[in-house]
Structure formats: C-alpha cells, structure tokens
N, C-alpha and C. Protein backbone atom coordinates (compact mmCIF):
# COMPACT_ATOMS: atom_id res chain seq x y z
N MET A 1 223.70 -44.50 437.15
CA MET A 1 223.94 -44.54 436.06
C MET A 1 223.25 -46.38 435.96
N GLN A 2 222.80 -46.89 434.71
CA GLN A 2 222.95 -48.18 434.64
C GLN A 2 223.74 -48.69 433.02
N TRP A 3 223.71 -49.71 433.29
CA TRP A 3 224.26 -50.13 431.84
C TRP A 3 223.22 -51.05 431.15
N ARG A 4 223.08 -50.79 429.95
CA ARG A 4 222.00 -51.05 428.94
C ARG A 4 222.39 -51.24 427.53
N GLU A 5 221.96 -52.98 427.27
CA GLU A 5 222.11 -53.51 426.21
C GLU A 5 221.21 -53.54 425.06
N PHE A 6 221.33 -53.34 423.85
CA PHE A 6 220.33 -53.24 422.74
C PHE A 6 220.79 -53.95 422.24
N GLN A 7 219.82 -54.93 421.09
CA GLN A 7 220.01 -55.73 420.16
C GLN A 7 220.00 -54.79 418.48
N ASP A 8 220.33 -55.47 417.49
CA ASP A 8 220.39 -55.06 416.43
C ASP A 8 219.22 -54.74 415.81
N GLY A 9 218.83 -53.70 415.63
CA GLY A 9 217.37 -53.06 414.77
C GLY A 9 216.89 -52.48 415.99
N GLU A 10 216.95 -52.50 417.74
CA GLU A 10 216.21 -52.30 418.33
C GLU A 10 216.08 -50.41 418.65
N MET A 11 215.19 -49.98 418.63
CA MET A 11 215.08 -48.56 418.99
C MET A 11 215.66 -48.42 420.39
N ILE A 12 216.42 -47.19 420.52
CA ILE A 12 217.02 -46.69 421.58
C ILE A 12 216.20 -45.50 421.98
N VAL A 13 216.00 -44.62 420.88
CA VAL A 13 215.61 -43.42 421.36
C VAL A 13 214.30 -43.08 420.25
N GLY A 14 212.84 -42.72 420.35
CA GLY A 14 211.95 -42.50 419.09
C GLY A 14 211.90 -41.03 419.05
N GLU A 15 211.64 -40.49 417.89
CA GLU A 15 211.50 -39.10 417.38
C GLU A 15 210.07 -38.43 418.39
N GLY A 16 210.30 -37.53 418.89
CA GLY A 16 209.44 -36.93 419.28
C GLY A 16 208.51 -37.48 420.97
N ALA A 17 209.70 -38.65 421.16
CA ALA A 17 208.94 -39.06 422.29
C ALA A 17 209.58 -38.93 423.71
N ALA A 18 209.25 -38.34 424.37
CA ALA A 18 209.47 -37.87 425.67
C ALA A 18 210.83 -38.66 426.05
N SER A 19 212.19 -38.21 426.24
CA SER A 19 213.03 -38.56 426.97
C SER A 19 213.48 -38.47 428.02
N GLU A 20 214.18 -39.15 428.91
CA GLU A 20 214.37 -39.14 430.17
C GLU A 20 216.13 -39.05 430.45
N PHE A 21 216.65 -39.67 429.40
CA PHE A 21 218.19 -40.12 429.62
C PHE A 21 219.01 -39.91 428.53
N VAL A 22 220.40 -39.81 428.69
CA VAL A 22 221.17 -39.76 427.79
C VAL A 22 222.03 -41.04 427.96
N TYR A 23 222.37 -41.30 426.79
CA TYR A 23 223.27 -42.62 426.70
C TYR A 23 224.61 -42.53 426.33
N ARG A 24 225.47 -42.97 426.79
CA ARG A 24 227.30 -42.72 426.29
C ARG A 24 227.46 -44.36 425.78
N ILE A 25 227.60 -44.36 424.54
CA ILE A 25 227.66 -45.41 423.67
C ILE A 25 229.26 -46.37 424.53
N LEU A 26 229.27 -47.54 424.40
CA LEU A 26 229.84 -48.17 425.13
C LEU A 26 231.15 -48.98 424.04
N THR A 27 229.81 -49.75 423.38
CA THR A 27 230.44 -50.42 422.43
C THR A 27 229.22 -50.63 421.01
N GLY A 28 229.69 -50.64 420.14
CA GLY A 28 228.83 -50.77 418.67
C GLY A 28 228.61 -49.05 418.25
N GLU A 29 227.37 -49.54 417.48
CA GLU A 29 227.14 -48.12 416.68
C GLU A 29 225.38 -47.88 416.66
N VAL A 30 225.33 -46.87 416.51
CA VAL A 30 223.80 -46.37 416.54
C VAL A 30 223.40 -45.27 415.33
N GLU A 31 222.29 -45.70 414.79
CA GLU A 31 221.74 -44.96 413.43
C GLU A 31 221.00 -43.86 413.83
N ILE A 32 221.50 -42.84 413.69
CA ILE A 32 220.25 -41.50 413.61
C ILE A 32 219.59 -41.31 412.37
N PHE A 33 218.23 -41.49 412.14
CA PHE A 33 217.61 -41.00 411.45
C PHE A 33 215.82 -40.62 411.58
N THR A 34 215.34 -39.80 410.71
CA THR A 34 214.10 -39.29 410.45
C THR A 34 213.29 -39.65 409.71
N GLU A 35 212.00 -39.67 409.54
CA GLU A 35 211.64 -40.02 408.50
C GLU A 35 210.31 -39.17 408.11
N ARG A 36 210.40 -38.61 406.94
CA ARG A 36 209.34 -37.59 405.87
C ARG A 36 209.29 -37.91 405.15
N THR A 37 207.69 -37.97 404.81
CA THR A 37 206.89 -38.63 403.67
C THR A 37 207.41 -39.89 403.07
N GLY A 38 207.33 -40.80 404.19
CA GLY A 38 207.56 -42.22 403.95
C GLY A 38 208.91 -42.61 403.92
N LYS A 39 210.05 -41.59 403.43
CA LYS A 39 211.44 -41.94 403.49
C LYS A 39 212.23 -41.60 404.70
N ARG A 40 213.03 -42.89 404.66
CA ARG A 40 214.31 -42.49 406.31
C ARG A 40 215.48 -42.05 405.65
N ILE A 41 215.58 -40.62 406.23
CA ILE A 41 216.92 -40.15 405.99
C ILE A 41 217.61 -40.38 407.19
N VAL A 42 219.36 -40.99 406.99
CA VAL A 42 219.80 -41.17 407.68
C VAL A 42 220.61 -39.69 407.77
N LEU A 43 220.50 -39.29 409.63
CA LEU A 43 221.23 -38.13 409.82
C LEU A 43 223.23 -38.24 410.20
N GLY A 44 222.71 -39.58 410.63
CA GLY A 44 224.35 -40.17 411.11
C GLY A 44 224.42 -40.84 412.12
N THR A 45 225.73 -41.27 412.54
CA THR A 45 225.92 -42.35 413.57
C THR A 45 226.94 -42.04 414.83
N VAL A 46 226.14 -42.76 415.58
CA VAL A 46 226.86 -42.53 417.28
C VAL A 46 227.95 -43.63 417.53
N ARG A 47 228.80 -43.29 417.69
CA ARG A 47 229.93 -44.22 417.88
C ARG A 47 230.32 -44.15 419.67
N PRO A 48 231.33 -45.43 419.94
CA PRO A 48 231.58 -45.45 421.17
C PRO A 48 231.79 -44.24 421.79
N VAL A 49 232.12 -43.74 423.31
CA VAL A 49 232.51 -42.86 423.99
C VAL A 49 231.49 -41.23 423.60
N GLU A 50 230.76 -41.25 422.78
CA GLU A 50 229.81 -40.28 422.05
C GLU A 50 228.51 -40.61 422.99
N PHE A 51 227.86 -39.32 423.12
CA PHE A 51 226.55 -39.29 423.40
C PHE A 51 225.41 -39.70 422.49
N LEU A 52 224.24 -40.04 423.04
CA LEU A 52 223.21 -39.81 422.38
C LEU A 52 222.19 -39.61 423.53
N GLY A 53 221.24 -38.64 422.78
CA GLY A 53 220.15 -37.75 423.39
C GLY A 53 220.29 -36.98 424.41
N GLU A 54 221.87 -36.29 424.05
CA GLU A 54 221.95 -35.16 424.82
C GLU A 54 221.45 -34.03 424.64
N MET A 55 221.08 -34.02 423.56
CA MET A 55 220.47 -32.42 422.84
C MET A 55 219.06 -32.31 423.33
N SER A 56 218.07 -33.34 423.80
CA SER A 56 216.77 -33.79 424.60
C SER A 56 216.64 -33.04 425.95
N ILE A 57 218.17 -33.46 426.33
CA ILE A 57 218.34 -33.58 427.60
C ILE A 57 218.69 -32.03 428.19
N ILE A 58 219.67 -31.72 427.21
CA ILE A 58 220.01 -30.00 427.66
C ILE A 58 218.92 -29.18 427.16
N GLU A 59 217.78 -29.21 425.88
CA GLU A 59 217.16 -28.13 425.22
C GLU A 59 215.60 -28.58 426.55
N ARG A 60 215.79 -29.64 427.13
CA ARG A 60 214.38 -30.28 427.66
C ARG A 60 213.55 -29.98 426.63
N ARG A 61 213.45 -30.78 425.49
CA ARG A 61 212.75 -31.34 424.48
C ARG A 61 212.83 -32.69 424.44
N PRO A 62 211.46 -32.84 423.32
CA PRO A 62 211.79 -34.13 422.79
C PRO A 62 212.60 -34.33 421.88
N PRO A 63 213.06 -35.67 421.40
CA PRO A 63 213.98 -35.71 420.44
C PRO A 63 213.46 -35.61 418.77
N ASN A 64 214.10 -35.14 418.18
CA ASN A 64 213.97 -34.47 416.92
C ASN A 64 214.24 -35.91 415.64
N ALA A 65 214.90 -36.82 416.12
CA ALA A 65 215.45 -38.10 415.31
C ALA A 65 215.03 -39.28 416.37
N SER A 66 215.41 -39.95 415.47
CA SER A 66 215.02 -41.58 416.25
C SER A 66 216.55 -42.21 415.98
N ALA A 67 216.56 -43.17 417.47
CA ALA A 67 218.26 -43.63 417.24
C ALA A 67 217.97 -45.28 417.64
N ARG A 68 218.27 -46.35 416.63
CA ARG A 68 218.45 -47.41 416.35
C ARG A 68 219.64 -47.93 416.18
N ALA A 69 219.56 -49.15 417.03
CA ALA A 69 221.45 -50.08 416.97
C ALA A 69 221.60 -51.00 415.92
N LYS A 70 222.67 -50.54 415.68
CA LYS A 70 223.41 -51.21 414.29
C LYS A 70 223.80 -51.96 414.51
N GLY A 71 223.47 -53.30 414.94
CA GLY A 71 224.52 -54.25 415.60
C GLY A 71 224.12 -54.16 417.12
N PRO A 72 224.74 -55.11 417.93
CA PRO A 72 224.58 -55.25 419.28
C PRO A 72 225.54 -53.57 419.62
N VAL A 73 224.47 -53.14 420.78
CA VAL A 73 225.20 -52.35 421.45
C VAL A 73 224.89 -52.14 422.88
N THR A 74 226.19 -51.68 423.62
CA THR A 74 225.80 -51.73 425.08
C THR A 74 226.16 -49.84 425.26
N ALA A 75 225.39 -49.65 426.24
CA ALA A 75 225.30 -47.95 426.65
C ALA A 75 225.20 -47.68 428.11
N GLU A 76 225.76 -46.84 428.72
CA GLU A 76 225.82 -46.45 429.92
C GLU A 76 224.39 -45.59 429.70
N GLN A 77 223.04 -45.87 430.78
CA GLN A 77 222.22 -44.67 430.49
C GLN A 77 222.19 -43.91 431.94
N LEU A 78 221.90 -42.63 432.12
CA LEU A 78 222.51 -41.51 432.27
C LEU A 78 220.94 -40.82 432.81
N GLU A 79 220.89 -40.69 433.71
CA GLU A 79 219.84 -39.61 433.99
C GLU A 79 220.11 -37.78 433.74
N ARG A 80 219.42 -37.22 433.75
CA ARG A 80 219.68 -35.62 433.54
C ARG A 80 220.72 -35.41 434.65
N TRP A 81 220.35 -35.25 436.01
CA TRP A 81 221.40 -35.08 436.81
C TRP A 81 222.67 -35.87 436.55
N GLU A 82 222.85 -37.01 436.39
CA GLU A 82 223.91 -37.85 436.08
C GLU A 82 224.91 -37.43 435.21
N PHE A 83 223.79 -37.19 433.89
CA PHE A 83 224.69 -36.46 432.47
C PHE A 83 225.12 -35.07 433.27
N VAL A 84 224.51 -34.16 433.95
CA VAL A 84 225.03 -32.66 434.12
C VAL A 84 226.09 -32.90 435.25
N GLN A 85 226.05 -33.84 435.95
CA GLN A 85 227.61 -33.82 436.72
C GLN A 85 228.35 -34.65 436.33
N LEU A 86 228.77 -35.39 435.18
CA LEU A 86 229.61 -36.08 434.59
C LEU A 86 229.85 -34.92 433.52
N ILE A 87 229.54 -34.07 433.02
CA ILE A 87 230.30 -32.86 432.41
C ILE A 87 230.42 -31.68 432.97
N SER A 88 230.02 -31.91 434.29
CA SER A 88 230.51 -30.80 435.07
C SER A 88 232.33 -31.39 435.91
N GLU A 89 231.65 -32.63 436.07
CA GLU A 89 233.17 -32.86 437.13
C GLU A 89 234.45 -33.48 435.65
N GLN A 90 234.17 -34.01 434.61
CA GLN A 90 234.70 -34.49 434.19
C GLN A 90 235.33 -33.46 432.77
N PRO A 91 236.32 -32.61 432.50
CA PRO A 91 236.47 -31.91 431.25
C PRO A 91 237.08 -32.61 430.48
N THR A 92 237.36 -33.64 430.35
CA THR A 92 237.49 -34.57 428.82
C THR A 92 235.95 -34.93 428.86
N ALA A 93 235.03 -35.05 429.06
CA ALA A 93 233.93 -35.70 428.71
C ALA A 93 233.13 -34.17 428.29
N ALA A 94 232.95 -33.12 429.14
CA ALA A 94 232.70 -32.29 428.17
C ALA A 94 232.92 -31.45 427.21
N HIS A 95 234.52 -31.64 426.85
CA HIS A 95 234.99 -31.25 425.97
C HIS A 95 234.96 -32.42 424.68
N ARG A 96 234.49 -33.52 424.48
CA ARG A 96 233.79 -34.30 423.95
C ARG A 96 232.67 -33.83 423.39
N LEU A 97 232.05 -33.49 424.05
CA LEU A 97 230.75 -33.16 424.05
C LEU A 97 230.57 -32.20 423.00
N ILE A 98 231.51 -31.12 423.64
CA ILE A 98 231.54 -29.95 422.86
C ILE A 98 232.09 -29.88 421.14
N GLU A 99 232.75 -30.46 421.03
CA GLU A 99 233.47 -31.22 420.01
C GLU A 99 232.41 -31.45 419.00
N ARG A 100 231.95 -33.02 419.63
CA ARG A 100 230.76 -33.78 418.51
C ARG A 100 229.41 -32.50 418.21
N LEU A 101 228.95 -31.66 419.24
CA LEU A 101 227.97 -30.83 419.03
C LEU A 101 228.98 -29.93 417.75
N SER A 102 229.91 -29.37 417.97
CA SER A 102 230.23 -28.55 416.81
C SER A 102 230.27 -28.99 415.50
N GLU A 103 230.84 -30.45 415.55
CA GLU A 103 230.57 -31.28 414.52
C GLU A 103 229.59 -31.55 413.68
N ARG A 104 228.19 -31.73 414.75
CA ARG A 104 227.02 -31.89 414.00
C ARG A 104 226.07 -30.43 413.48
N LEU A 105 226.73 -29.41 414.19
CA LEU A 105 226.40 -27.91 413.84
C LEU A 105 227.31 -27.61 412.48
N ARG A 106 228.12 -28.12 412.46
CA ARG A 106 229.43 -27.71 410.89
C ARG A 106 228.72 -28.46 409.80
N LEU A 107 228.53 -30.36 409.95
CA LEU A 107 227.75 -30.77 409.04
C LEU A 107 226.44 -30.12 408.46
N ALA A 108 225.32 -29.88 409.54
CA ALA A 108 224.14 -29.32 408.96
C ALA A 108 224.30 -28.04 408.87
N ASN A 109 225.22 -27.13 408.79
CA ASN A 109 225.01 -25.85 407.80
C ASN A 109 225.76 -25.97 406.33
N ASP A 110 226.61 -27.36 406.63
CA ASP A 110 227.22 -27.30 404.93
C ASP A 110 226.23 -28.30 404.18
N ARG A 111 225.27 -28.80 404.86
CA ARG A 111 224.30 -30.00 404.21
C ARG A 111 223.29 -28.53 404.02
N VAL A 112 223.13 -27.66 404.77
CA VAL A 112 222.19 -26.38 404.52
C VAL A 112 222.30 -25.70 403.06
N VAL A 113 223.89 -25.37 403.53
CA VAL A 113 224.58 -24.39 401.89
C VAL A 113 224.18 -25.38 400.43
N GLN A 114 224.53 -26.95 400.66
CA GLN A 114 224.61 -27.57 399.51
C GLN A 114 222.63 -27.58 399.09
N LEU A 115 221.95 -27.83 399.98
CA LEU A 115 220.86 -27.76 399.38
C LEU A 115 220.00 -26.24 399.34
N THR A 116 220.67 -25.18 399.95
CA THR A 116 220.57 -23.82 398.99
C THR A 116 221.05 -23.51 397.91
N ALA A 117 222.35 -24.31 397.57
CA ALA A 117 222.65 -24.22 396.14
C ALA A 117 221.90 -25.06 395.49
N ALA A 118 221.44 -26.31 395.54
CA ALA A 118 221.07 -26.80 394.52
C ALA A 118 219.57 -26.14 394.37
N VAL A 119 218.83 -25.98 394.99
CA VAL A 119 217.48 -25.34 394.96
C VAL A 119 217.90 -23.87 393.74
N GLY A 120 218.76 -22.92 394.51
CA GLY A 120 219.25 -21.76 393.52
C GLY A 120 219.45 -22.47 392.14
N ASP A 121 220.07 -23.59 391.88
CA ASP A 121 220.32 -23.94 390.43
C ASP A 121 219.30 -24.21 389.65
N GLU A 122 218.32 -24.83 390.43
CA GLU A 122 216.88 -25.29 389.86
C GLU A 122 216.19 -24.12 389.31
N GLN A 123 215.86 -23.47 390.39
CA GLN A 123 215.37 -22.29 390.05
C GLN A 123 216.02 -21.15 389.04
N GLN A 124 217.40 -21.03 389.19
CA GLN A 124 218.08 -20.46 387.94
C GLN A 124 217.88 -21.04 386.13
N SER A 125 217.82 -22.31 386.54
CA SER A 125 217.54 -23.13 385.52
C SER A 125 216.23 -22.65 385.13
N THR A 126 214.87 -22.69 386.00
CA THR A 126 213.44 -22.38 385.72
C THR A 126 213.93 -21.37 385.34
N ALA A 127 214.18 -20.30 385.76
CA ALA A 127 213.93 -18.50 384.98
C ALA A 127 214.84 -18.87 383.56
N ASP A 128 216.24 -19.58 383.51
CA ASP A 128 216.51 -19.37 382.21
C ASP A 128 215.72 -19.82 381.08
N SER A 129 214.77 -21.26 381.23
CA SER A 129 214.09 -21.68 380.43
C SER A 129 212.88 -21.07 379.97
N VAL A 130 212.77 -20.08 381.44
CA VAL A 130 211.15 -19.35 380.85
C VAL A 130 211.55 -17.97 379.90
N SER A 131 212.77 -17.44 380.33
CA SER A 131 213.34 -16.35 379.53
C SER A 131 213.61 -16.67 378.47
N ASP A 132 214.35 -18.16 378.22
CA ASP A 132 214.60 -18.50 376.73
C ASP A 132 213.31 -18.48 375.93
N ARG A 133 212.23 -18.90 376.40
CA ARG A 133 210.99 -18.63 375.61
C ARG A 133 210.64 -17.24 375.54
N GLY A 134 211.20 -16.33 375.87
CA GLY A 134 210.51 -15.15 375.71
C GLY A 134 209.25 -14.31 376.92
N ASP A 135 209.24 -15.22 377.52
CA ASP A 135 208.63 -15.05 378.88
C ASP A 135 209.26 -14.06 379.71
N TYR A 136 207.80 -13.20 380.36
CA TYR A 136 209.09 -12.73 381.72
C TYR A 136 208.08 -13.28 382.94
N LEU A 137 209.20 -12.51 383.86
CA LEU A 137 208.88 -13.00 385.33
C LEU A 137 208.50 -12.01 386.18
C-alpha cells in the first residue's frame, strides 16, 4: 500500500482503462463522471474514508466512469490483494464499503425510476396529442 497525491483536476481513473488499484480517499474529494455525446455527466463524489475503483477490482472489469480530483486529494493506493485483505480483516471497512455500494445502487434505482417516469410522461403526451387529432396508433 502506498500513498498518492493528486492535484486539482488530475485524472485518477479513466473510464474503460485497465485499473489495478483501489484508492481509499484520505483527504479531498473526487468527482465521478462519464461523457456521452460530448456531455459530461457527473455521477457522484467520493469523499474521505470512501473507496474509489472498488467495483472494477471486485468485478475484474474496466471502470465504467472516470474519476478526477476536485482540489488536492491524498489517497491510499491498494493493489487488489491488499484491498481484499483489508475488507476481509477489517469489518468496519467492509461495512462502509457495503453501505456505500448500497447507497449507489439505491440512487441509481431512483434515477432509473425518474427517467422512466419522464419518458413515460413524454410518450403519454405524444399519444394524447396524436389521439386529440383523431389519429389512431
């Protein structure tokens, strides 16, 4: 395990890039984002004591988002085996990890529901306007 320091705006993890490390943020904040059709979509923020890159290590897949330092950041850089050992030997760290993953899943579910409802409202509006003209679907 080693300590790493990142400057404001520095990329820590790149979407789709091979990643061999998990970072436990010690100080500062990290912005998690993705880019689609030229637009940056902020997915969240990682704060002190939280992990970054754990999903890639757990799933053994490239990251599905990028991470950039928001101001100066200090982090512990853990190799896969160190991360697994840490969460195996420290129940508090494992509990924090599970809480954070659960929170992310809940927020993602909430977003899916909101987007589905918004698309459903748009489709209903379109169907209503077509129907008002006497057209049939």
